[in-house]
């Protein structure tokens, strides 16, 4: 059964890129979904994809899909303060990720359908 694993920004910062990529790819290759609280930069995304190509030797590995989303929080008209939190969702390549409406996503994998809300 597919699971979702949330990784905090502090944990992402505490791992080297290679260790983070291994961690992500190990989870995704087991048909799990990884949500990173901290967004990967474009170079990290490229390196994650490149490293994932090494996993293709395993015939059960379907690759990865990455989905980036952001959430605006703390909006106060009176104070005009607003924060944006960036997330990366990384799922098995054979999954479908659909945004139903803002902040609400549906993820379909081989054995599960997950409805996920971020607001």
PDB file of N, CA and C in Angstrom:
ATOM      1  N   UNK A   1       0.839  -1.180   0.000  1.00  0.00           N
ATOM      2  CA  UNK A   1       0.000   0.000   0.000  1.00  0.00           C
ATOM      3  C   UNK A   1       0.883   1.243   0.000  1.00  0.00           C
ATOM      4  N   UNK A   2       0.478   2.212  -0.755  1.00  0.00           N
ATOM      5  CA  UNK A   2       1.225   3.458  -0.882  1.00  0.00           C
ATOM      6  C   UNK A   2       1.106   4.281   0.389  1.00  0.00           C
ATOM      7  N   UNK A   3       2.219   4.864   0.809  1.00  0.00           N
ATOM      8  CA  UNK A   3       2.231   5.743   1.968  1.00  0.00           C
ATOM      9  C   UNK A   3       2.754   7.107   1.576  1.00  0.00           C
ATOM     10  N   UNK A   4       2.537   8.072   2.436  1.00  0.00           N
ATOM     11  CA  UNK A   4       3.068   9.422   2.233  1.00  0.00           C
ATOM     12  C   UNK A   4       4.046   9.707   3.354  1.00  0.00           C
ATOM     13  N   UNK A   5       5.217  10.195   2.991  1.00  0.00           N
ATOM     14  CA  UNK A   5       6.225  10.550   3.989  1.00  0.00           C
ATOM     15  C   UNK A   5       6.535  12.038   3.865  1.00  0.00           C
ATOM     16  N   UNK A   6       6.344  12.771   4.955  1.00  0.00           N
ATOM     17  CA  UNK A   6       6.611  14.200   4.996  1.00  0.00           C
ATOM     18  C   UNK A   6       8.014  14.433   5.545  1.00  0.00           C
ATOM     19  N   UNK A   7       8.785  15.241   4.846  1.00  0.00           N
ATOM     20  CA  UNK A   7      10.156  15.535   5.247  1.00  0.00           C
ATOM     21  C   UNK A   7      10.247  17.032   5.538  1.00  0.00           C
ATOM     22  N   UNK A   8      10.611  17.361   6.765  1.00  0.00           N
ATOM     23  CA  UNK A   8      10.675  18.762   7.171  1.00  0.00           C
ATOM     24  C   UNK A   8      11.845  19.474   6.512  1.00  0.00           C
ATOM     25  N   UNK A   9      11.753  20.795   6.461  1.00  0.00           N
ATOM     26  CA  UNK A   9      12.832  21.603   5.886  1.00  0.00           C
ATOM     27  C   UNK A   9      14.137  21.395   6.650  1.00  0.00           C
ATOM     28  N   UNK A  10      14.063  21.253   7.964  1.00  0.00           N
ATOM     29  CA  UNK A  10      15.293  21.072   8.743  1.00  0.00           C
ATOM     30  C   UNK A  10      15.949  19.729   8.420  1.00  0.00           C
ATOM     31  N   UNK A  11      15.150  18.705   8.156  1.00  0.00           N
ATOM     32  CA  UNK A  11      15.726  17.408   7.780  1.00  0.00           C
ATOM     33  C   UNK A  11      16.355  17.483   6.395  1.00  0.00           C
ATOM     34  N   UNK A  12      15.689  18.176   5.469  1.00  0.00           N
ATOM     35  CA  UNK A  12      16.249  18.370   4.121  1.00  0.00           C
ATOM     36  C   UNK A  12      17.586  19.090   4.228  1.00  0.00           C
ATOM     37  N   UNK A  13      17.631  20.142   5.036  1.00  0.00           N
ATOM     38  CA  UNK A  13      18.873  20.911   5.206  1.00  0.00           C
ATOM     39  C   UNK A  13      19.969  20.088   5.877  1.00  0.00           C
ATOM     40  N   UNK A  14      19.581  19.118   6.698  1.00  0.00           N
ATOM     41  CA  UNK A  14      20.552  18.309   7.431  1.00  0.00           C
ATOM     42  C   UNK A  14      21.176  17.184   6.614  1.00  0.00           C
ATOM     43  N   UNK A  15      20.692  16.945   5.407  1.00  0.00           N
ATOM     44  CA  UNK A  15      21.228  15.876   4.562  1.00  0.00           C
ATOM     45  C   UNK A  15      22.010  16.467   3.395  1.00  0.00           C
ATOM     46  N   UNK A  16      23.070  15.785   3.020  1.00  0.00           N
ATOM     47  CA  UNK A  16      23.765  16.188   1.792  1.00  0.00           C
ATOM     48  C   UNK A  16      22.829  15.887   0.626  1.00  0.00           C
ATOM     49  N   UNK A  17      23.068  16.503  -0.516  1.00  0.00           N
ATOM     50  CA  UNK A  17      22.221  16.261  -1.682  1.00  0.00           C
ATOM     51  C   UNK A  17      22.164  14.775  -2.027  1.00  0.00           C
ATOM     52  N   UNK A  18      23.329  14.113  -2.049  1.00  0.00           N
ATOM     53  CA  UNK A  18      23.340  12.692  -2.397  1.00  0.00           C
ATOM     54  C   UNK A  18      22.538  11.847  -1.414  1.00  0.00           C
ATOM     55  N   UNK A  19      22.675  12.121  -0.125  1.00  0.00           N
ATOM     56  CA  UNK A  19      21.905  11.379   0.880  1.00  0.00           C
ATOM     57  C   UNK A  19      20.407  11.667   0.750  1.00  0.00           C
ATOM     58  N   UNK A  20      20.067  12.916   0.465  1.00  0.00           N
ATOM     59  CA  UNK A  20      18.670  13.275   0.270  1.00  0.00           C
ATOM     60  C   UNK A  20      18.099  12.556  -0.950  1.00  0.00           C
ATOM     61  N   UNK A  21      18.849  12.539  -2.044  1.00  0.00           N
ATOM     62  CA  UNK A  21      18.385  11.875  -3.263  1.00  0.00           C
ATOM     63  C   UNK A  21      18.219  10.371  -3.033  1.00  0.00           C
ATOM     64  N   UNK A  22      19.169   9.753  -2.350  1.00  0.00           N
ATOM     65  CA  UNK A  22      19.050   8.317  -2.032  1.00  0.00           C
ATOM     66  C   UNK A  22      17.805   8.057  -1.184  1.00  0.00           C
ATOM     67  N   UNK A  23      17.605   8.912  -0.187  1.00  0.00           N
ATOM     68  CA  UNK A  23      16.447   8.790   0.701  1.00  0.00           C
ATOM     69  C   UNK A  23      15.149   8.861  -0.110  1.00  0.00           C
ATOM     70  N   UNK A  24      15.031   9.871  -0.971  1.00  0.00           N
ATOM     71  CA  UNK A  24      13.826  10.056  -1.788  1.00  0.00           C
ATOM     72  C   UNK A  24      13.624   8.868  -2.722  1.00  0.00           C
ATOM     73  N   UNK A  25      14.675   8.503  -3.450  1.00  0.00           N
ATOM     74  CA  UNK A  25      14.548   7.440  -4.449  1.00  0.00           C
ATOM     75  C   UNK A  25      14.243   6.082  -3.815  1.00  0.00           C
ATOM     76  N   UNK A  26      14.808   5.825  -2.641  1.00  0.00           N
ATOM     77  CA  UNK A  26      14.489   4.577  -1.936  1.00  0.00           C
ATOM     78  C   UNK A  26      13.004   4.514  -1.593  1.00  0.00           C
ATOM     79  N   UNK A  27      12.452   5.630  -1.098  1.00  0.00           N
ATOM     80  CA  UNK A  27      11.028   5.663  -0.724  1.00  0.00           C
ATOM     81  C   UNK A  27      10.134   5.531  -1.962  1.00  0.00           C
ATOM     82  N   UNK A  28      10.464   6.287  -3.000  1.00  0.00           N
ATOM     83  CA  UNK A  28       9.629   6.284  -4.206  1.00  0.00           C
ATOM     84  C   UNK A  28       9.703   4.931  -4.912  1.00  0.00           C
ATOM     85  N   UNK A  29      10.874   4.292  -4.897  1.00  0.00           N
ATOM     86  CA  UNK A  29      10.995   2.980  -5.545  1.00  0.00           C
ATOM     87  C   UNK A  29      10.179   1.911  -4.821  1.00  0.00           C
ATOM     88  N   UNK A  30       9.778   2.198  -3.565  1.00  0.00           N
ATOM     89  CA  UNK A  30       8.897   1.305  -2.810  1.00  0.00           C
ATOM     90  C   UNK A  30       7.435   1.744  -2.943  1.00  0.00           C
ATOM     91  N   UNK A  31       7.135   2.557  -3.968  1.00  0.00           N
ATOM     92  CA  UNK A  31       5.784   3.075  -4.261  1.00  0.00           C
ATOM     93  C   UNK A  31       5.245   4.013  -3.192  1.00  0.00           C
ATOM     94  N   UNK A  32       6.119   4.725  -2.524  1.00  0.00           N
ATOM     95  CA  UNK A  32       5.680   5.726  -1.561  1.00  0.00           C
ATOM     96  C   UNK A  32       5.784   7.110  -2.174  1.00  0.00           C
ATOM     97  N   UNK A  33       5.102   8.048  -1.560  1.00  0.00           N
ATOM     98  CA  UNK A  33       5.106   9.442  -1.988  1.00  0.00           C
ATOM     99  C   UNK A  33       5.863  10.241  -0.947  1.00  0.00           C
ATOM    100  N   UNK A  34       6.744  11.110  -1.404  1.00  0.00           N
ATOM    101  CA  UNK A  34       7.542  11.938  -0.505  1.00  0.00           C
ATOM    102  C   UNK A  34       7.124  13.396  -0.703  1.00  0.00           C
ATOM    103  N   UNK A  35       6.838  14.076   0.408  1.00  0.00           N
ATOM    104  CA  UNK A  35       6.524  15.497   0.370  1.00  0.00           C
ATOM    105  C   UNK A  35       7.630  16.223   1.120  1.00  0.00           C
ATOM    106  N   UNK A  36       8.339  17.088   0.394  1.00  0.00           N
ATOM    107  CA  UNK A  36       9.411  17.875   0.998  1.00  0.00           C
ATOM    108  C   UNK A  36       8.866  19.241   1.373  1.00  0.00           C
ATOM    109  N   UNK A  37       9.065  19.625   2.626  1.00  0.00           N
ATOM    110  CA  UNK A  37       8.608  20.930   3.086  1.00  0.00           C
ATOM    111  C   UNK A  37       9.412  22.048   2.429  1.00  0.00           C
ATOM    112  N   UNK A  38      10.601  21.733   2.005  1.00  0.00           N
ATOM    113  CA  UNK A  38      11.467  22.719   1.362  1.00  0.00           C
ATOM    114  C   UNK A  38      11.621  22.346  -0.106  1.00  0.00           C
ATOM    115  N   UNK A  39      11.402  23.316  -0.962  1.00  0.00           N
ATOM    116  CA  UNK A  39      11.473  23.061  -2.394  1.00  0.00           C
ATOM    117  C   UNK A  39      12.917  22.828  -2.841  1.00  0.00           C
ATOM    118  N   UNK A  40      13.086  21.901  -3.761  1.00  0.00           N
ATOM    119  CA  UNK A  40      14.397  21.681  -4.363  1.00  0.00           C
ATOM    120  C   UNK A  40      14.654  22.766  -5.397  1.00  0.00           C
ATOM    121  N   UNK A  41      15.911  23.192  -5.516  1.00  0.00           N
ATOM    122  CA  UNK A  41      16.229  24.167  -6.551  1.00  0.00           C
ATOM    123  C   UNK A  41      16.359  23.444  -7.897  1.00  0.00           C
ATOM    124  N   UNK A  42      16.374  24.170  -9.005  1.00  0.00           N
ATOM    125  CA  UNK A  42      16.413  23.519 -10.327  1.00  0.00           C
ATOM    126  C   UNK A  42      17.587  22.558 -10.517  1.00  0.00           C
ATOM    127  N   UNK A  43      18.754  22.911 -10.000  1.00  0.00           N
ATOM    128  CA  UNK A  43      19.915  22.021 -10.138  1.00  0.00           C
ATOM    129  C   UNK A  43      19.704  20.732  -9.345  1.00  0.00           C
ATOM    130  N   UNK A  44      19.144  20.839  -8.140  1.00  0.00           N
ATOM    131  CA  UNK A  44      18.869  19.646  -7.340  1.00  0.00           C
ATOM    132  C   UNK A  44      17.844  18.746  -8.039  1.00  0.00           C
ATOM    133  N   UNK A  45      16.840  19.343  -8.657  1.00  0.00           N
ATOM    134  CA  UNK A  45      15.842  18.547  -9.387  1.00  0.00           C
ATOM    135  C   UNK A  45      16.498  17.775 -10.525  1.00  0.00           C
ATOM    136  N   UNK A  46      17.369  18.451 -11.283  1.00  0.00           N
ATOM    137  CA  UNK A  46      18.082  17.773 -12.372  1.00  0.00           C
ATOM    138  C   UNK A  46      18.942  16.630 -11.847  1.00  0.00           C
ATOM    139  N   UNK A  47      19.650  16.875 -10.757  1.00  0.00           N
ATOM    140  CA  UNK A  47      20.521  15.847 -10.185  1.00  0.00           C
ATOM    141  C   UNK A  47      19.715  14.672  -9.628  1.00  0.00           C
ATOM    142  N   UNK A  48      18.546  14.952  -9.059  1.00  0.00           N
ATOM    143  CA  UNK A  48      17.681  13.879  -8.570  1.00  0.00           C
ATOM    144  C   UNK A  48      17.213  13.006  -9.734  1.00  0.00           C
ATOM    145  N   UNK A  49      16.811  13.624 -10.815  1.00  0.00           N
ATOM    146  CA  UNK A  49      16.375  12.871 -11.996  1.00  0.00           C
ATOM    147  C   UNK A  49      17.527  12.045 -12.550  1.00  0.00           C
ATOM    148  N   UNK A  50      18.708  12.653 -12.650  1.00  0.00           N
ATOM    149  CA  UNK A  50      19.885  11.939 -13.168  1.00  0.00           C
ATOM    150  C   UNK A  50      20.219  10.739 -12.278  1.00  0.00           C
ATOM    151  N   UNK A  51      20.170  10.955 -10.963  1.00  0.00           N
ATOM    152  CA  UNK A  51      20.468   9.851 -10.053  1.00  0.00           C
ATOM    153  C   UNK A  51      19.401   8.765 -10.158  1.00  0.00           C
ATOM    154  N   UNK A  52      18.162   9.174 -10.395  1.00  0.00           N
ATOM    155  CA  UNK A  52      17.078   8.214 -10.551  1.00  0.00           C
ATOM    156  C   UNK A  52      17.253   7.312 -11.757  1.00  0.00           C
ATOM    157  N   UNK A  53      17.976   7.783 -12.762  1.00  0.00           N
ATOM    158  CA  UNK A  53      18.228   6.951 -13.943  1.00  0.00           C
ATOM    159  C   UNK A  53      19.014   5.696 -13.583  1.00  0.00           C
ATOM    160  N   UNK A  54      19.826   5.758 -12.537  1.00  0.00           N
ATOM    161  CA  UNK A  54      20.559   4.578 -12.083  1.00  0.00           C
ATOM    162  C   UNK A  54      19.625   3.500 -11.531  1.00  0.00           C
ATOM    163  N   UNK A  55      18.436   3.912 -11.067  1.00  0.00           N
ATOM    164  CA  UNK A  55      17.475   2.963 -10.502  1.00  0.00           C
ATOM    165  C   UNK A  55      16.729   2.199 -11.594  1.00  0.00           C
ATOM    166  N   UNK A  56      16.824   2.648 -12.833  1.00  0.00           N
ATOM    167  CA  UNK A  56      16.069   2.035 -13.925  1.00  0.00           C
ATOM    168  C   UNK A  56      16.487   0.589 -14.157  1.00  0.00           C
ATOM    169  N   UNK A  57      17.657   0.218 -13.707  1.00  0.00           N
ATOM    170  CA  UNK A  57      18.096  -1.169 -13.848  1.00  0.00           C
ATOM    171  C   UNK A  57      17.130  -2.122 -13.157  1.00  0.00           C
ATOM    172  N   UNK A  58      16.435  -1.648 -12.135  1.00  0.00           N
ATOM    173  CA  UNK A  58      15.412  -2.438 -11.452  1.00  0.00           C
ATOM    174  C   UNK A  58      14.146  -2.352 -12.298  1.00  0.00           C
ATOM    175  N   UNK A  59      13.690  -3.460 -12.854  1.00  0.00           N
ATOM    176  CA  UNK A  59      12.555  -3.439 -13.779  1.00  0.00           C
ATOM    177  C   UNK A  59      11.251  -2.999 -13.129  1.00  0.00           C
ATOM    178  N   UNK A  60      11.163  -3.003 -11.805  1.00  0.00           N
ATOM    179  CA  UNK A  60       9.953  -2.555 -11.117  1.00  0.00           C
ATOM    180  C   UNK A  60       9.939  -1.039 -10.907  1.00  0.00           C
ATOM    181  N   UNK A  61      11.055  -0.374 -11.148  1.00  0.00           N
ATOM    182  CA  UNK A  61      11.156   1.065 -10.917  1.00  0.00           C
ATOM    183  C   UNK A  61      10.504   1.822 -12.068  1.00  0.00           C
ATOM    184  N   UNK A  62       9.531   2.654 -11.764  1.00  0.00           N
ATOM    185  CA  UNK A  62       8.759   3.368 -12.791  1.00  0.00           C
ATOM    186  C   UNK A  62       9.237   4.805 -12.997  1.00  0.00           C
ATOM    187  N   UNK A  63      10.326   5.200 -12.363  1.00  0.00           N
ATOM    188  CA  UNK A  63      10.770   6.583 -12.451  1.00  0.00           C
ATOM    189  C   UNK A  63      10.080   7.428 -11.393  1.00  0.00           C
ATOM    190  N   UNK A  64      10.196   8.749 -11.535  1.00  0.00           N
ATOM    191  CA  UNK A  64       9.579   9.658 -10.564  1.00  0.00           C
ATOM    192  C   UNK A  64       8.803  10.740 -11.296  1.00  0.00           C
ATOM    193  N   UNK A  65       7.839  11.305 -10.588  1.00  0.00           N
ATOM    194  CA  UNK A  65       7.134  12.501 -11.013  1.00  0.00           C
ATOM    195  C   UNK A  65       7.292  13.505  -9.896  1.00  0.00           C
ATOM    196  N   UNK A  66       7.591  14.741 -10.279  1.00  0.00           N
ATOM    197  CA  UNK A  66       7.709  15.803  -9.286  1.00  0.00           C
ATOM    198  C   UNK A  66       6.642  16.846  -9.545  1.00  0.00           C
ATOM    199  N   UNK A  67       6.083  17.335  -8.464  1.00  0.00           N
ATOM    200  CA  UNK A  67       5.054  18.350  -8.540  1.00  0.00           C
ATOM    201  C   UNK A  67       5.406  19.407  -7.507  1.00  0.00           C
ATOM    202  N   UNK A  68       5.453  20.640  -7.941  1.00  0.00           N
ATOM    203  CA  UNK A  68       5.793  21.750  -7.050  1.00  0.00           C
ATOM    204  C   UNK A  68       4.525  22.541  -6.761  1.00  0.00           C
ATOM    205  N   UNK A  69       4.318  22.883  -5.501  1.00  0.00           N
ATOM    206  CA  UNK A  69       3.202  23.759  -5.183  1.00  0.00           C
ATOM    207  C   UNK A  69       3.589  24.665  -4.030  1.00  0.00           C
ATOM    208  N   UNK A  70       2.899  25.782  -3.947  1.00  0.00           N
ATOM    209  CA  UNK A  70       3.150  26.737  -2.871  1.00  0.00           C
ATOM    210  C   UNK A  70       1.822  27.137  -2.244  1.00  0.00           C
ATOM    211  N   UNK A  71       1.916  27.505  -0.986  1.00  0.00           N
ATOM    212  CA  UNK A  71       0.734  27.889  -0.220  1.00  0.00           C
ATOM    213  C   UNK A  71       1.019  29.239   0.416  1.00  0.00           C
ATOM    214  N   UNK A  72       0.095  30.152   0.255  1.00  0.00           N
ATOM    215  CA  UNK A  72       0.218  31.443   0.928  1.00  0.00           C
ATOM    216  C   UNK A  72      -0.434  31.316   2.298  1.00  0.00           C
ATOM    217  N   UNK A  73       0.295  31.741   3.314  1.00  0.00           N
ATOM    218  CA  UNK A  73      -0.213  31.648   4.683  1.00  0.00           C
ATOM    219  C   UNK A  73      -0.050  32.982   5.382  1.00  0.00           C
ATOM    220  N   UNK A  74      -0.729  33.140   6.479  1.00  0.00           N
ATOM    221  CA  UNK A  74      -0.538  34.298   7.337  1.00  0.00           C
ATOM    222  C   UNK A  74      -0.991  35.608   6.742  1.00  0.00           C
ATOM    223  N   UNK A  75      -1.909  35.562   5.809  1.00  0.00           N
ATOM    224  CA  UNK A  75      -2.367  36.797   5.200  1.00  0.00           C
ATOM    225  C   UNK A  75      -3.218  37.568   6.199  1.00  0.00           C
ATOM    226  N   UNK A  76      -2.812  38.762   6.488  1.00  0.00           N
ATOM    227  CA  UNK A  76      -3.539  39.667   7.370  1.00  0.00           C
ATOM    228  C   UNK A  76      -3.638  40.997   6.661  1.00  0.00           C
ATOM    229  N   UNK A  77      -4.833  41.374   6.297  1.00  0.00           N
ATOM    230  CA  UNK A  77      -4.988  42.654   5.593  1.00  0.00           C
ATOM    231  C   UNK A  77      -4.461  43.820   6.419  1.00  0.00           C
ATOM    232  N   UNK A  78      -4.731  43.756   7.695  1.00  0.00           N
ATOM    233  CA  UNK A  78      -4.322  44.868   8.550  1.00  0.00           C
ATOM    234  C   UNK A  78      -2.807  45.001   8.604  1.00  0.00           C
ATOM    235  N   UNK A  79      -2.107  43.884   8.657  1.00  0.00           N
ATOM    236  CA  UNK A  79      -0.656  43.916   8.773  1.00  0.00           C
ATOM    237  C   UNK A  79       0.036  43.739   7.422  1.00  0.00           C
ATOM    238  N   UNK A  80      -0.731  43.358   6.420  1.00  0.00           N
ATOM    239  CA  UNK A  80      -0.192  43.136   5.077  1.00  0.00           C
ATOM    240  C   UNK A  80       0.991  42.175   5.093  1.00  0.00           C
ATOM    241  N   UNK A  81       0.901  41.170   5.949  1.00  0.00           N
ATOM    242  CA  UNK A  81       1.968  40.170   6.006  1.00  0.00           C
ATOM    243  C   UNK A  81       1.504  38.910   5.302  1.00  0.00           C
ATOM    244  N   UNK A  82       2.416  38.310   4.599  1.00  0.00           N
ATOM    245  CA  UNK A  82       2.084  37.099   3.859  1.00  0.00           C
ATOM    246  C   UNK A  82       3.338  36.250   3.730  1.00  0.00           C
ATOM    247  N   UNK A  83       3.201  34.975   3.969  1.00  0.00           N
ATOM    248  CA  UNK A  83       4.296  34.037   3.779  1.00  0.00           C
ATOM    249  C   UNK A  83       3.897  33.037   2.722  1.00  0.00           C
ATOM    250  N   UNK A  84       4.868  32.555   1.985  1.00  0.00           N
ATOM    251  CA  UNK A  84       4.615  31.501   1.014  1.00  0.00           C
ATOM    252  C   UNK A  84       5.474  30.312   1.381  1.00  0.00           C
ATOM    253  N   UNK A  85       4.836  29.159   1.515  1.00  0.00           N
ATOM    254  CA  UNK A  85       5.546  27.920   1.812  1.00  0.00           C
ATOM    255  C   UNK A  85       5.612  27.116   0.524  1.00  0.00           C
ATOM    256  N   UNK A  86       6.808  26.659   0.179  1.00  0.00           N
ATOM    257  CA  UNK A  86       7.033  25.897  -1.045  1.00  0.00           C
ATOM    258  C   UNK A  86       7.169  24.416  -0.699  1.00  0.00           C
ATOM    259  N   UNK A  87       6.535  23.563  -1.473  1.00  0.00           N
ATOM    260  CA  UNK A  87       6.607  22.122  -1.278  1.00  0.00           C
ATOM    261  C   UNK A  87       6.980  21.434  -2.583  1.00  0.00           C
ATOM    262  N   UNK A  88       7.620  20.291  -2.470  1.00  0.00           N
ATOM    263  CA  UNK A  88       7.806  19.377  -3.594  1.00  0.00           C
ATOM    264  C   UNK A  88       7.146  18.066  -3.225  1.00  0.00           C
ATOM    265  N   UNK A  89       6.327  17.550  -4.114  1.00  0.00           N
ATOM    266  CA  UNK A  89       5.728  16.242  -3.957  1.00  0.00           C
ATOM    267  C   UNK A  89       6.397  15.352  -4.994  1.00  0.00           C
ATOM    268  N   UNK A  90       6.955  14.234  -4.555  1.00  0.00           N
ATOM    269  CA  UNK A  90       7.668  13.321  -5.449  1.00  0.00           C
ATOM    270  C   UNK A  90       6.993  11.959  -5.330  1.00  0.00           C
ATOM    271  N   UNK A  91       6.537  11.458  -6.469  1.00  0.00           N
ATOM    272  CA  UNK A  91       5.750  10.227  -6.496  1.00  0.00           C
ATOM    273  C   UNK A  91       6.322   9.275  -7.542  1.00  0.00           C
ATOM    274  N   UNK A  92       5.934   7.997  -7.474  1.00  0.00           N
ATOM    275  CA  UNK A  92       6.355   7.053  -8.514  1.00  0.00           C
ATOM    276  C   UNK A  92       5.913   7.542  -9.897  1.00  0.00           C
ATOM    277  N   UNK A  93       6.734   7.262 -10.900  1.00  0.00           N
ATOM    278  CA  UNK A  93       6.479   7.751 -12.247  1.00  0.00           C
ATOM    279  C   UNK A  93       5.184   7.253 -12.860  1.00  0.00           C
ATOM    280  N   UNK A  94       4.650   6.143 -12.386  1.00  0.00           N
ATOM    281  CA  UNK A  94       3.410   5.608 -12.948  1.00  0.00           C
ATOM    282  C   UNK A  94       2.173   6.110 -12.204  1.00  0.00           C
ATOM    283  N   UNK A  95       2.343   7.108 -11.349  1.00  0.00           N
ATOM    284  CA  UNK A  95       1.213   7.663 -10.612  1.00  0.00           C
ATOM    285  C   UNK A  95       0.638   8.861 -11.368  1.00  0.00           C
ATOM    286  N   UNK A  96      -0.575   9.212 -11.004  1.00  0.00           N
ATOM    287  CA  UNK A  96      -1.219  10.397 -11.563  1.00  0.00           C
ATOM    288  C   UNK A  96      -1.423  11.395 -10.433  1.00  0.00           C
ATOM    289  N   UNK A  97      -1.056  12.650 -10.682  1.00  0.00           N
ATOM    290  CA  UNK A  97      -1.242  13.711  -9.698  1.00  0.00           C
ATOM    291  C   UNK A  97      -2.155  14.750 -10.340  1.00  0.00           C
ATOM    292  N   UNK A  98      -3.306  14.964  -9.744  1.00  0.00           N
ATOM    293  CA  UNK A  98      -4.268  15.920 -10.280  1.00  0.00           C
ATOM    294  C   UNK A  98      -4.627  16.939  -9.214  1.00  0.00           C
ATOM    295  N   UNK A  99      -4.651  18.216  -9.608  1.00  0.00           N
ATOM    296  CA  UNK A  99      -5.112  19.248  -8.697  1.00  0.00           C
ATOM    297  C   UNK A  99      -6.614  19.388  -8.894  1.00  0.00           C
ATOM    298  N   UNK A 100      -7.383  19.100  -7.844  1.00  0.00           N
ATOM    299  CA  UNK A 100      -8.837  19.179  -7.911  1.00  0.00           C
ATOM    300  C   UNK A 100      -9.308  20.633  -7.814  1.00  0.00           C
ATOM    301  N   UNK A 101      -8.747  21.349  -6.895  1.00  0.00           N
ATOM    302  CA  UNK A 101      -8.944  22.792  -6.737  1.00  0.00           C
ATOM    303  C   UNK A 101      -7.767  23.279  -5.911  1.00  0.00           C
ATOM    304  N   UNK A 102      -7.633  24.566  -5.739  1.00  0.00           N
ATOM    305  CA  UNK A 102      -6.455  25.080  -5.053  1.00  0.00           C
ATOM    306  C   UNK A 102      -6.298  24.449  -3.676  1.00  0.00           C
ATOM    307  N   UNK A 103      -5.137  23.843  -3.461  1.00  0.00           N
ATOM    308  CA  UNK A 103      -4.833  23.226  -2.177  1.00  0.00           C
ATOM    309  C   UNK A 103      -5.318  21.803  -2.013  1.00  0.00           C
ATOM    310  N   UNK A 104      -6.001  21.251  -3.018  1.00  0.00           N
ATOM    311  CA  UNK A 104      -6.546  19.902  -2.928  1.00  0.00           C
ATOM    312  C   UNK A 104      -6.072  19.080  -4.124  1.00  0.00           C
ATOM    313  N   UNK A 105      -5.442  17.947  -3.826  1.00  0.00           N
ATOM    314  CA  UNK A 105      -4.832  17.117  -4.858  1.00  0.00           C
ATOM    315  C   UNK A 105      -5.320  15.685  -4.731  1.00  0.00           C
ATOM    316  N   UNK A 106      -5.316  15.012  -5.851  1.00  0.00           N
ATOM    317  CA  UNK A 106      -5.630  13.588  -5.874  1.00  0.00           C
ATOM    318  C   UNK A 106      -4.438  12.879  -6.490  1.00  0.00           C
ATOM    319  N   UNK A 107      -3.959  11.853  -5.805  1.00  0.00           N
ATOM    320  CA  UNK A 107      -2.813  11.086  -6.274  1.00  0.00           C
ATOM    321  C   UNK A 107      -3.264   9.644  -6.448  1.00  0.00           C
ATOM    322  N   UNK A 108      -3.107   9.127  -7.650  1.00  0.00           N
ATOM    323  CA  UNK A 108      -3.459   7.739  -7.926  1.00  0.00           C
ATOM    324  C   UNK A 108      -2.184   6.971  -8.222  1.00  0.00           C
ATOM    325  N   UNK A 109      -2.004   5.870  -7.507  1.00  0.00           N
ATOM    326  CA  UNK A 109      -0.878   4.976  -7.755  1.00  0.00           C
ATOM    327  C   UNK A 109      -1.445   3.615  -8.148  1.00  0.00           C
ATOM    328  N   UNK A 110      -0.561   2.646  -8.336  1.00  0.00           N
ATOM    329  CA  UNK A 110      -1.014   1.312  -8.736  1.00  0.00           C
ATOM    330  C   UNK A 110      -2.029   0.716  -7.776  1.00  0.00           C
ATOM    331  N   UNK A 111      -1.851   0.973  -6.478  1.00  0.00           N
ATOM    332  CA  UNK A 111      -2.709   0.302  -5.502  1.00  0.00           C
ATOM    333  C   UNK A 111      -3.513   1.238  -4.606  1.00  0.00           C
ATOM    334  N   UNK A 112      -3.431   2.547  -4.827  1.00  0.00           N
ATOM    335  CA  UNK A 112      -4.102   3.470  -3.916  1.00  0.00           C
ATOM    336  C   UNK A 112      -4.594   4.708  -4.650  1.00  0.00           C
ATOM    337  N   UNK A 113      -5.572   5.339  -4.026  1.00  0.00           N
ATOM    338  CA  UNK A 113      -6.008   6.656  -4.442  1.00  0.00           C
ATOM    339  C   UNK A 113      -6.005   7.510  -3.187  1.00  0.00           C
ATOM    340  N   UNK A 114      -5.240   8.595  -3.206  1.00  0.00           N
ATOM    341  CA  UNK A 114      -5.061   9.426  -2.028  1.00  0.00           C
ATOM    342  C   UNK A 114      -5.568  10.819  -2.342  1.00  0.00           C
ATOM    343  N   UNK A 115      -6.421  11.349  -1.503  1.00  0.00           N
ATOM    344  CA  UNK A 115      -6.849  12.732  -1.617  1.00  0.00           C
ATOM    345  C   UNK A 115      -6.082  13.507  -0.554  1.00  0.00           C
ATOM    346  N   UNK A 116      -5.433  14.579  -0.982  1.00  0.00           N
ATOM    347  CA  UNK A 116      -4.480  15.283  -0.142  1.00  0.00           C
ATOM    348  C   UNK A 116      -4.808  16.770  -0.164  1.00  0.00           C
ATOM    349  N   UNK A 117      -4.982  17.353   1.000  1.00  0.00           N
ATOM    350  CA  UNK A 117      -5.264  18.782   1.101  1.00  0.00           C
ATOM    351  C   UNK A 117      -4.131  19.469   1.831  1.00  0.00           C
ATOM    352  N   UNK A 118      -3.730  20.626   1.312  1.00  0.00           N
ATOM    353  CA  UNK A 118      -2.622  21.352   1.936  1.00  0.00           C
ATOM    354  C   UNK A 118      -3.089  22.661   2.565  1.00  0.00           C
ATOM    355  N   UNK A 119      -4.401  22.900   2.594  1.00  0.00           N
ATOM    356  CA  UNK A 119      -4.916  24.086   3.278  1.00  0.00           C
ATOM    357  C   UNK A 119      -6.023  23.692   4.206  1.00  0.00           C
TER     358      UNK A 119
END
